[in-house]
């Protein structure tokens, strides 16, 4: 049940699969080669998962910040992202990564080399620790883990930035503005009786249409300085709304001529119409 013991056996598994791959002629037995590659992928993912738990237990207050993850496209934020990073580092050192531009490869190779060397050091140190004192993490062990955590984060940010356009601070702030607008819209709708807490707790499908519709009205009339502010240029708005800038202006003009009773009736109808 001890993490270091789990790490020892997971590390043994990775070592065994790597040895099998190195002893196999891929051209003579390509099917077995693919089977072993898949086993390596799974065993490395298991090893990293245990290492992550060890770092959370051993150096929880010394972890390198992962705030940069909010800049990544959502489709990249998968559970096995760490395993992809190791695979990318290995490919960069082997010179088999055409997806990355040559200028970026030149910058990433030293980072990849440092990361993989640090991982090997972590594996060696933790193996030795698991055999000697599996219940403790002395300072040299913690220092090695802190260094690996930092190098991993630095490589992850650099590598992803070389492949995709990461979000700017301005884009992140605009996203947060939209989140706030939707939260305030839901709070207001609950207060006015447009929605019920049971609908939200039960994930009522109609809410997927109702909340955005109410948010447009809230953003144009109730919170006019928020993400739907038409005092901004389209370029300054979130990409969610900027394509509809002119349409939003027309909607705002129509909403402004409604009385309080008419606005209430409109919002209630938006909560039921499909």
C-alpha atoms as a PDB file:
ATOM      1  CA  UNK A   1       0.000   0.000   0.000  1.00  0.00           C
ATOM      2  CA  UNK A   2       3.022   2.332   0.339  1.00  0.00           C
ATOM      3  CA  UNK A   3       3.562   4.682  -2.592  1.00  0.00           C
ATOM      4  CA  UNK A   4       7.281   3.982  -2.834  1.00  0.00           C
ATOM      5  CA  UNK A   5       6.585   0.255  -3.022  1.00  0.00           C
ATOM      6  CA  UNK A   6       4.018   0.871  -5.756  1.00  0.00           C
ATOM      7  CA  UNK A   7       6.555   3.009  -7.569  1.00  0.00           C
ATOM      8  CA  UNK A   8       9.172   0.258  -7.359  1.00  0.00           C
ATOM      9  CA  UNK A   9       6.962  -2.347  -9.042  1.00  0.00           C
ATOM     10  CA  UNK A  10       5.658   0.139 -11.632  1.00  0.00           C
ATOM     11  CA  UNK A  11       9.231   1.099 -12.455  1.00  0.00           C
ATOM     12  CA  UNK A  12      10.186  -2.566 -12.764  1.00  0.00           C
ATOM     13  CA  UNK A  13       7.365  -2.996 -15.259  1.00  0.00           C
ATOM     14  CA  UNK A  14       8.578  -0.094 -17.412  1.00  0.00           C
ATOM     15  CA  UNK A  15      12.141  -1.411 -17.334  1.00  0.00           C
ATOM     16  CA  UNK A  16      11.003  -4.903 -18.353  1.00  0.00           C
ATOM     17  CA  UNK A  17       8.922  -3.655 -21.295  1.00  0.00           C
ATOM     18  CA  UNK A  18      11.753  -1.421 -22.526  1.00  0.00           C
ATOM     19  CA  UNK A  19      14.130  -4.401 -22.384  1.00  0.00           C
ATOM     20  CA  UNK A  20      11.678  -6.489 -24.447  1.00  0.00           C
ATOM     21  CA  UNK A  21      11.390  -3.731 -27.047  1.00  0.00           C
ATOM     22  CA  UNK A  22      15.158  -3.356 -27.297  1.00  0.00           C
ATOM     23  CA  UNK A  23      15.527  -7.112 -27.783  1.00  0.00           C
ATOM     24  CA  UNK A  24      12.910  -7.318 -30.542  1.00  0.00           C
ATOM     25  CA  UNK A  25      13.442  -6.883 -34.260  1.00  0.00           C
ATOM     26  CA  UNK A  26      10.521  -4.662 -35.214  1.00  0.00           C
ATOM     27  CA  UNK A  27      10.830  -5.498 -38.900  1.00  0.00           C
ATOM     28  CA  UNK A  28      10.571  -9.230 -38.276  1.00  0.00           C
ATOM     29  CA  UNK A  29       7.675  -8.993 -35.818  1.00  0.00           C
ATOM     30  CA  UNK A  30       5.890  -5.662 -36.304  1.00  0.00           C
ATOM     31  CA  UNK A  31       2.697  -6.847 -34.580  1.00  0.00           C
ATOM     32  CA  UNK A  32       4.521  -7.772 -31.378  1.00  0.00           C
ATOM     33  CA  UNK A  33       6.386  -4.474 -31.574  1.00  0.00           C
ATOM     34  CA  UNK A  34       3.094  -2.560 -31.578  1.00  0.00           C
ATOM     35  CA  UNK A  35       1.830  -4.649 -28.663  1.00  0.00           C
ATOM     36  CA  UNK A  36       4.936  -3.801 -26.651  1.00  0.00           C
ATOM     37  CA  UNK A  37       4.679  -0.116 -27.528  1.00  0.00           C
ATOM     38  CA  UNK A  38       1.148  -0.085 -26.179  1.00  0.00           C
ATOM     39  CA  UNK A  39       2.301  -1.849 -23.029  1.00  0.00           C
ATOM     40  CA  UNK A  40       5.061   0.745 -22.628  1.00  0.00           C
ATOM     41  CA  UNK A  41       2.551   3.562 -23.022  1.00  0.00           C
ATOM     42  CA  UNK A  42       0.284   2.083 -20.330  1.00  0.00           C
ATOM     43  CA  UNK A  43       3.098   1.246 -17.926  1.00  0.00           C
ATOM     44  CA  UNK A  44       4.636   4.723 -18.268  1.00  0.00           C
ATOM     45  CA  UNK A  45       1.248   6.319 -17.627  1.00  0.00           C
ATOM     46  CA  UNK A  46       0.880   4.194 -14.485  1.00  0.00           C
ATOM     47  CA  UNK A  47       4.374   5.142 -13.343  1.00  0.00           C
ATOM     48  CA  UNK A  48       3.688   8.857 -13.845  1.00  0.00           C
ATOM     49  CA  UNK A  49       0.395   8.610 -11.961  1.00  0.00           C
ATOM     50  CA  UNK A  50       2.181   7.130  -8.943  1.00  0.00           C
ATOM     51  CA  UNK A  51       4.948   9.722  -9.226  1.00  0.00           C
ATOM     52  CA  UNK A  52       2.314  12.460  -9.223  1.00  0.00           C
ATOM     53  CA  UNK A  53       0.849  11.058  -5.988  1.00  0.00           C
ATOM     54  CA  UNK A  54       4.323  10.881  -4.453  1.00  0.00           C
ATOM     55  CA  UNK A  55       4.983  14.535  -5.276  1.00  0.00           C
ATOM     56  CA  UNK A  56       1.619  15.546  -3.814  1.00  0.00           C
ATOM     57  CA  UNK A  57       2.532  13.698  -0.628  1.00  0.00           C
ATOM     58  CA  UNK A  58       6.194  14.675  -0.474  1.00  0.00           C
ATOM     59  CA  UNK A  59       6.439  18.249  -1.848  1.00  0.00           C
ATOM     60  CA  UNK A  60       2.852  19.606  -1.872  1.00  0.00           C
ATOM     61  CA  UNK A  61       3.911  23.203  -1.122  1.00  0.00           C
ATOM     62  CA  UNK A  62       6.906  23.148  -3.476  1.00  0.00           C
ATOM     63  CA  UNK A  63       5.116  22.114  -6.669  1.00  0.00           C
ATOM     64  CA  UNK A  64       5.784  24.260  -9.712  1.00  0.00           C
ATOM     65  CA  UNK A  65       2.791  26.399 -10.658  1.00  0.00           C
ATOM     66  CA  UNK A  66       0.499  24.940 -13.323  1.00  0.00           C
ATOM     67  CA  UNK A  67      -1.459  28.174 -13.817  1.00  0.00           C
ATOM     68  CA  UNK A  68      -0.339  28.176 -17.458  1.00  0.00           C
ATOM     69  CA  UNK A  69      -2.750  25.303 -18.156  1.00  0.00           C
ATOM     70  CA  UNK A  70      -5.609  27.805 -18.469  1.00  0.00           C
ATOM     71  CA  UNK A  71      -3.887  29.065 -21.623  1.00  0.00           C
ATOM     72  CA  UNK A  72      -4.113  25.675 -23.330  1.00  0.00           C
ATOM     73  CA  UNK A  73      -6.952  24.745 -25.692  1.00  0.00           C
ATOM     74  CA  UNK A  74      -9.469  22.591 -23.841  1.00  0.00           C
ATOM     75  CA  UNK A  75      -8.966  19.627 -26.175  1.00  0.00           C
ATOM     76  CA  UNK A  76      -5.378  19.287 -24.892  1.00  0.00           C
ATOM     77  CA  UNK A  77      -6.356  19.033 -21.232  1.00  0.00           C
ATOM     78  CA  UNK A  78      -6.629  15.254 -21.130  1.00  0.00           C
ATOM     79  CA  UNK A  79      -5.792  12.847 -18.328  1.00  0.00           C
ATOM     80  CA  UNK A  80      -2.732  11.390 -20.061  1.00  0.00           C
ATOM     81  CA  UNK A  81      -1.177  14.733 -21.054  1.00  0.00           C
ATOM     82  CA  UNK A  82       1.911  13.953 -18.972  1.00  0.00           C
ATOM     83  CA  UNK A  83       2.558  10.750 -20.887  1.00  0.00           C
ATOM     84  CA  UNK A  84       2.289  12.669 -24.160  1.00  0.00           C
ATOM     85  CA  UNK A  85       4.931  15.088 -22.870  1.00  0.00           C
ATOM     86  CA  UNK A  86       7.400  12.264 -22.186  1.00  0.00           C
ATOM     87  CA  UNK A  87       6.738  10.745 -25.589  1.00  0.00           C
ATOM     88  CA  UNK A  88       7.302  14.148 -27.224  1.00  0.00           C
ATOM     89  CA  UNK A  89      10.564  14.598 -25.323  1.00  0.00           C
ATOM     90  CA  UNK A  90      11.815  11.184 -26.454  1.00  0.00           C
ATOM     91  CA  UNK A  91      10.864  11.893 -30.079  1.00  0.00           C
ATOM     92  CA  UNK A  92      12.595  15.284 -30.019  1.00  0.00           C
ATOM     93  CA  UNK A  93      15.834  13.719 -28.838  1.00  0.00           C
ATOM     94  CA  UNK A  94      15.522  10.982 -31.457  1.00  0.00           C
ATOM     95  CA  UNK A  95      14.925  13.600 -34.175  1.00  0.00           C
ATOM     96  CA  UNK A  96      11.593  12.083 -35.219  1.00  0.00           C
ATOM     97  CA  UNK A  97       9.165  14.917 -34.583  1.00  0.00           C
ATOM     98  CA  UNK A  98       8.325  16.693 -37.868  1.00  0.00           C
ATOM     99  CA  UNK A  99       5.273  18.453 -36.359  1.00  0.00           C
ATOM    100  CA  UNK A 100       7.553  20.934 -34.603  1.00  0.00           C
ATOM    101  CA  UNK A 101       9.370  23.586 -36.612  1.00  0.00           C
ATOM    102  CA  UNK A 102      13.163  23.264 -36.740  1.00  0.00           C
ATOM    103  CA  UNK A 103      13.699  26.514 -34.831  1.00  0.00           C
ATOM    104  CA  UNK A 104      11.408  25.254 -32.066  1.00  0.00           C
ATOM    105  CA  UNK A 105      13.066  21.827 -32.077  1.00  0.00           C
ATOM    106  CA  UNK A 106      16.445  23.440 -31.467  1.00  0.00           C
ATOM    107  CA  UNK A 107      15.020  25.216 -28.431  1.00  0.00           C
ATOM    108  CA  UNK A 108      13.081  22.224 -27.121  1.00  0.00           C
ATOM    109  CA  UNK A 109      15.821  19.563 -27.411  1.00  0.00           C
ATOM    110  CA  UNK A 110      17.881  20.816 -24.418  1.00  0.00           C
ATOM    111  CA  UNK A 111      14.696  21.005 -22.336  1.00  0.00           C
ATOM    112  CA  UNK A 112      13.701  17.503 -23.434  1.00  0.00           C
ATOM    113  CA  UNK A 113      17.160  16.163 -22.585  1.00  0.00           C
ATOM    114  CA  UNK A 114      17.117  17.770 -19.136  1.00  0.00           C
ATOM    115  CA  UNK A 115      13.619  16.445 -18.462  1.00  0.00           C
ATOM    116  CA  UNK A 116      14.427  12.844 -19.393  1.00  0.00           C
ATOM    117  CA  UNK A 117      17.704  12.925 -17.445  1.00  0.00           C
ATOM    118  CA  UNK A 118      15.824  14.261 -14.444  1.00  0.00           C
ATOM    119  CA  UNK A 119      13.238  11.489 -14.758  1.00  0.00           C
ATOM    120  CA  UNK A 120      15.974   8.853 -14.803  1.00  0.00           C
ATOM    121  CA  UNK A 121      17.473  10.403 -11.673  1.00  0.00           C
ATOM    122  CA  UNK A 122      14.060  10.384  -9.990  1.00  0.00           C
ATOM    123  CA  UNK A 123      13.565   6.726 -10.876  1.00  0.00           C
ATOM    124  CA  UNK A 124      16.993   5.803  -9.484  1.00  0.00           C
ATOM    125  CA  UNK A 125      16.570   7.778  -6.268  1.00  0.00           C
ATOM    126  CA  UNK A 126      13.049   6.508  -5.592  1.00  0.00           C
ATOM    127  CA  UNK A 127      14.035   2.904  -6.294  1.00  0.00           C
ATOM    128  CA  UNK A 128      16.862   3.169  -3.787  1.00  0.00           C
ATOM    129  CA  UNK A 129      14.608   4.865  -1.262  1.00  0.00           C
ATOM    130  CA  UNK A 130      11.909   2.218  -1.653  1.00  0.00           C
ATOM    131  CA  UNK A 131      14.448  -0.489  -0.816  1.00  0.00           C
ATOM    132  CA  UNK A 132      16.016   1.293   2.149  1.00  0.00           C
ATOM    133  CA  UNK A 133      13.412   3.506   3.864  1.00  0.00           C
ATOM    134  CA  UNK A 134      10.046   3.222   2.073  1.00  0.00           C
ATOM    135  CA  UNK A 135       8.254   5.285   4.730  1.00  0.00           C
ATOM    136  CA  UNK A 136      10.245   8.523   4.466  1.00  0.00           C
ATOM    137  CA  UNK A 137      11.339  11.163   1.974  1.00  0.00           C
ATOM    138  CA  UNK A 138      14.675  12.690   3.036  1.00  0.00           C
ATOM    139  CA  UNK A 139      15.761  16.073   1.722  1.00  0.00           C
ATOM    140  CA  UNK A 140      17.850  14.719  -1.237  1.00  0.00           C
ATOM    141  CA  UNK A 141      14.742  12.871  -2.485  1.00  0.00           C
ATOM    142  CA  UNK A 142      12.594  15.978  -2.176  1.00  0.00           C
ATOM    143  CA  UNK A 143      15.188  18.066  -4.009  1.00  0.00           C
ATOM    144  CA  UNK A 144      15.214  15.640  -6.937  1.00  0.00           C
ATOM    145  CA  UNK A 145      11.407  15.690  -7.106  1.00  0.00           C
ATOM    146  CA  UNK A 146      11.263  19.493  -7.004  1.00  0.00           C
ATOM    147  CA  UNK A 147      13.726  19.698  -9.884  1.00  0.00           C
ATOM    148  CA  UNK A 148      11.804  17.156 -11.983  1.00  0.00           C
ATOM    149  CA  UNK A 149       8.499  18.924 -11.339  1.00  0.00           C
ATOM    150  CA  UNK A 150       9.969  22.252 -12.464  1.00  0.00           C
ATOM    151  CA  UNK A 151      11.590  20.823 -15.601  1.00  0.00           C
ATOM    152  CA  UNK A 152       8.399  18.983 -16.528  1.00  0.00           C
ATOM    153  CA  UNK A 153       6.291  22.141 -16.237  1.00  0.00           C
ATOM    154  CA  UNK A 154       8.775  24.227 -18.224  1.00  0.00           C
ATOM    155  CA  UNK A 155       8.942  21.658 -21.037  1.00  0.00           C
ATOM    156  CA  UNK A 156       5.155  21.228 -21.097  1.00  0.00           C
ATOM    157  CA  UNK A 157       4.568  24.959 -21.536  1.00  0.00           C
ATOM    158  CA  UNK A 158       7.305  25.367 -24.161  1.00  0.00           C
ATOM    159  CA  UNK A 159       6.266  22.301 -26.146  1.00  0.00           C
ATOM    160  CA  UNK A 160       2.546  23.099 -26.278  1.00  0.00           C
ATOM    161  CA  UNK A 161       3.312  26.750 -27.118  1.00  0.00           C
ATOM    162  CA  UNK A 162       5.329  25.578 -30.125  1.00  0.00           C
ATOM    163  CA  UNK A 163       2.390  23.574 -31.492  1.00  0.00           C
ATOM    164  CA  UNK A 164      -0.689  25.696 -30.824  1.00  0.00           C
ATOM    165  CA  UNK A 165      -1.521  29.297 -30.119  1.00  0.00           C
ATOM    166  CA  UNK A 166      -1.961  29.501 -26.361  1.00  0.00           C
ATOM    167  CA  UNK A 167      -4.475  31.933 -24.979  1.00  0.00           C
ATOM    168  CA  UNK A 168      -3.312  35.424 -24.149  1.00  0.00           C
ATOM    169  CA  UNK A 169      -4.026  36.968 -20.713  1.00  0.00           C
ATOM    170  CA  UNK A 170      -6.647  39.145 -22.414  1.00  0.00           C
ATOM    171  CA  UNK A 171      -8.457  36.106 -23.843  1.00  0.00           C
ATOM    172  CA  UNK A 172      -8.415  34.378 -20.450  1.00  0.00           C
ATOM    173  CA  UNK A 173      -9.850  37.493 -18.796  1.00  0.00           C
ATOM    174  CA  UNK A 174     -12.630  37.666 -21.403  1.00  0.00           C
ATOM    175  CA  UNK A 175     -13.494  34.033 -20.717  1.00  0.00           C
ATOM    176  CA  UNK A 176     -13.674  34.771 -17.013  1.00  0.00           C
ATOM    177  CA  UNK A 177     -15.975  37.711 -17.730  1.00  0.00           C
ATOM    178  CA  UNK A 178     -18.353  35.372 -19.589  1.00  0.00           C
ATOM    179  CA  UNK A 179     -18.301  32.911 -16.684  1.00  0.00           C
ATOM    180  CA  UNK A 180     -19.205  35.723 -14.281  1.00  0.00           C
ATOM    181  CA  UNK A 181     -22.000  36.907 -16.608  1.00  0.00           C
ATOM    182  CA  UNK A 182     -23.519  33.416 -16.776  1.00  0.00           C
ATOM    183  CA  UNK A 183     -23.286  32.991 -12.993  1.00  0.00           C
ATOM    184  CA  UNK A 184     -24.981  36.334 -12.365  1.00  0.00           C
ATOM    185  CA  UNK A 185     -27.610  35.501 -14.978  1.00  0.00           C
ATOM    186  CA  UNK A 186     -28.445  32.210 -13.246  1.00  0.00           C
ATOM    187  CA  UNK A 187     -28.589  33.926  -9.844  1.00  0.00           C
ATOM    188  CA  UNK A 188     -30.940  36.590 -11.190  1.00  0.00           C
ATOM    189  CA  UNK A 189     -33.128  34.006 -12.966  1.00  0.00           C
ATOM    190  CA  UNK A 190     -33.475  32.027  -9.743  1.00  0.00           C
ATOM    191  CA  UNK A 191     -34.358  35.161  -7.802  1.00  0.00           C
ATOM    192  CA  UNK A 192     -37.044  36.161 -10.320  1.00  0.00           C
ATOM    193  CA  UNK A 193     -38.449  32.663 -10.570  1.00  0.00           C
ATOM    194  CA  UNK A 194     -37.504  32.050 -14.212  1.00  0.00           C
ATOM    195  CA  UNK A 195     -35.579  28.939 -13.173  1.00  0.00           C
ATOM    196  CA  UNK A 196     -35.686  26.600 -10.206  1.00  0.00           C
ATOM    197  CA  UNK A 197     -32.863  25.012  -8.281  1.00  0.00           C
ATOM    198  CA  UNK A 198     -34.334  21.608  -9.109  1.00  0.00           C
ATOM    199  CA  UNK A 199     -33.876  22.325 -12.822  1.00  0.00           C
ATOM    200  CA  UNK A 200     -30.214  23.110 -12.257  1.00  0.00           C
ATOM    201  CA  UNK A 201     -29.572  20.184  -9.910  1.00  0.00           C
ATOM    202  CA  UNK A 202     -31.292  17.868 -12.368  1.00  0.00           C
ATOM    203  CA  UNK A 203     -29.317  19.159 -15.388  1.00  0.00           C
ATOM    204  CA  UNK A 204     -32.500  20.086 -17.234  1.00  0.00           C
ATOM    205  CA  UNK A 205     -31.568  20.002 -20.972  1.00  0.00           C
ATOM    206  CA  UNK A 206     -33.594  23.150 -21.674  1.00  0.00           C
ATOM    207  CA  UNK A 207     -31.069  25.134 -19.630  1.00  0.00           C
ATOM    208  CA  UNK A 208     -28.550  24.783 -22.468  1.00  0.00           C
ATOM    209  CA  UNK A 209     -30.742  27.169 -24.443  1.00  0.00           C
ATOM    210  CA  UNK A 210     -32.351  29.167 -21.651  1.00  0.00           C
ATOM    211  CA  UNK A 211     -29.250  30.399 -19.819  1.00  0.00           C
ATOM    212  CA  UNK A 212     -27.411  31.740 -22.913  1.00  0.00           C
ATOM    213  CA  UNK A 213     -30.590  33.533 -24.046  1.00  0.00           C
ATOM    214  CA  UNK A 214     -31.050  35.141 -20.641  1.00  0.00           C
ATOM    215  CA  UNK A 215     -27.332  35.955 -20.512  1.00  0.00           C
ATOM    216  CA  UNK A 216     -27.607  37.976 -23.737  1.00  0.00           C
ATOM    217  CA  UNK A 217     -30.380  40.095 -22.233  1.00  0.00           C
ATOM    218  CA  UNK A 218     -28.456  40.445 -18.961  1.00  0.00           C
ATOM    219  CA  UNK A 219     -25.262  41.359 -20.780  1.00  0.00           C
ATOM    220  CA  UNK A 220     -26.952  44.025 -22.895  1.00  0.00           C
ATOM    221  CA  UNK A 221     -29.233  45.614 -20.268  1.00  0.00           C
ATOM    222  CA  UNK A 222     -28.418  44.535 -16.713  1.00  0.00           C
ATOM    223  CA  UNK A 223     -24.602  44.394 -16.880  1.00  0.00           C
ATOM    224  CA  UNK A 224     -23.755  46.648 -19.847  1.00  0.00           C
ATOM    225  CA  UNK A 225     -20.103  47.009 -18.821  1.00  0.00           C
ATOM    226  CA  UNK A 226     -19.479  43.266 -18.946  1.00  0.00           C
ATOM    227  CA  UNK A 227     -18.369  41.005 -21.814  1.00  0.00           C
ATOM    228  CA  UNK A 228     -21.292  42.108 -24.014  1.00  0.00           C
ATOM    229  CA  UNK A 229     -20.430  45.790 -23.727  1.00  0.00           C
ATOM    230  CA  UNK A 230     -21.033  47.331 -27.143  1.00  0.00           C
ATOM    231  CA  UNK A 231     -18.892  50.314 -26.192  1.00  0.00           C
ATOM    232  CA  UNK A 232     -15.972  48.115 -27.114  1.00  0.00           C
ATOM    233  CA  UNK A 233     -14.923  47.393 -30.665  1.00  0.00           C
ATOM    234  CA  UNK A 234     -15.623  43.875 -31.985  1.00  0.00           C
ATOM    235  CA  UNK A 235     -11.888  43.133 -31.726  1.00  0.00           C
ATOM    236  CA  UNK A 236     -12.005  43.844 -27.988  1.00  0.00           C
ATOM    237  CA  UNK A 237     -14.886  41.454 -27.353  1.00  0.00           C
ATOM    238  CA  UNK A 238     -14.671  37.742 -26.745  1.00  0.00           C
ATOM    239  CA  UNK A 239     -14.555  35.635 -29.895  1.00  0.00           C
ATOM    240  CA  UNK A 240     -17.779  34.027 -28.672  1.00  0.00           C
ATOM    241  CA  UNK A 241     -19.690  37.266 -29.280  1.00  0.00           C
ATOM    242  CA  UNK A 242     -17.604  39.403 -31.660  1.00  0.00           C
ATOM    243  CA  UNK A 243     -19.013  37.819 -34.896  1.00  0.00           C
ATOM    244  CA  UNK A 244     -22.500  38.953 -33.787  1.00  0.00           C
ATOM    245  CA  UNK A 245     -21.571  42.538 -32.907  1.00  0.00           C
ATOM    246  CA  UNK A 246     -24.016  44.206 -35.321  1.00  0.00           C
ATOM    247  CA  UNK A 247     -26.808  41.795 -34.435  1.00  0.00           C
ATOM    248  CA  UNK A 248     -26.272  42.483 -30.734  1.00  0.00           C
ATOM    249  CA  UNK A 249     -26.616  46.209 -31.381  1.00  0.00           C
ATOM    250  CA  UNK A 250     -29.985  45.626 -33.061  1.00  0.00           C
ATOM    251  CA  UNK A 251     -31.134  43.398 -30.182  1.00  0.00           C
ATOM    252  CA  UNK A 252     -30.135  46.048 -27.652  1.00  0.00           C
ATOM    253  CA  UNK A 253     -32.134  48.712 -29.463  1.00  0.00           C
ATOM    254  CA  UNK A 254     -35.202  46.479 -29.468  1.00  0.00           C
ATOM    255  CA  UNK A 255     -34.809  45.648 -25.779  1.00  0.00           C
ATOM    256  CA  UNK A 256     -34.526  49.290 -24.798  1.00  0.00           C
ATOM    257  CA  UNK A 257     -38.050  50.087 -25.999  1.00  0.00           C
ATOM    258  CA  UNK A 258     -39.643  47.359 -23.859  1.00  0.00           C
ATOM    259  CA  UNK A 259     -41.371  48.174 -20.602  1.00  0.00           C
ATOM    260  CA  UNK A 260     -40.454  46.298 -17.412  1.00  0.00           C
ATOM    261  CA  UNK A 261     -43.526  44.097 -17.803  1.00  0.00           C
ATOM    262  CA  UNK A 262     -42.748  43.366 -21.452  1.00  0.00           C
ATOM    263  CA  UNK A 263     -39.136  42.514 -20.623  1.00  0.00           C
ATOM    264  CA  UNK A 264     -40.269  40.140 -17.900  1.00  0.00           C
ATOM    265  CA  UNK A 265     -42.702  38.476 -20.321  1.00  0.00           C
ATOM    266  CA  UNK A 266     -39.938  38.127 -22.918  1.00  0.00           C
ATOM    267  CA  UNK A 267     -37.548  36.527 -20.454  1.00  0.00           C
ATOM    268  CA  UNK A 268     -40.186  34.087 -19.242  1.00  0.00           C
ATOM    269  CA  UNK A 269     -40.955  33.102 -22.831  1.00  0.00           C
ATOM    270  CA  UNK A 270     -37.258  32.472 -23.461  1.00  0.00           C
ATOM    271  CA  UNK A 271     -37.292  30.016 -20.586  1.00  0.00           C
ATOM    272  CA  UNK A 272     -39.925  27.860 -22.270  1.00  0.00           C
ATOM    273  CA  UNK A 273     -39.448  28.309 -26.021  1.00  0.00           C
ATOM    274  CA  UNK A 274     -37.291  25.746 -27.771  1.00  0.00           C
END
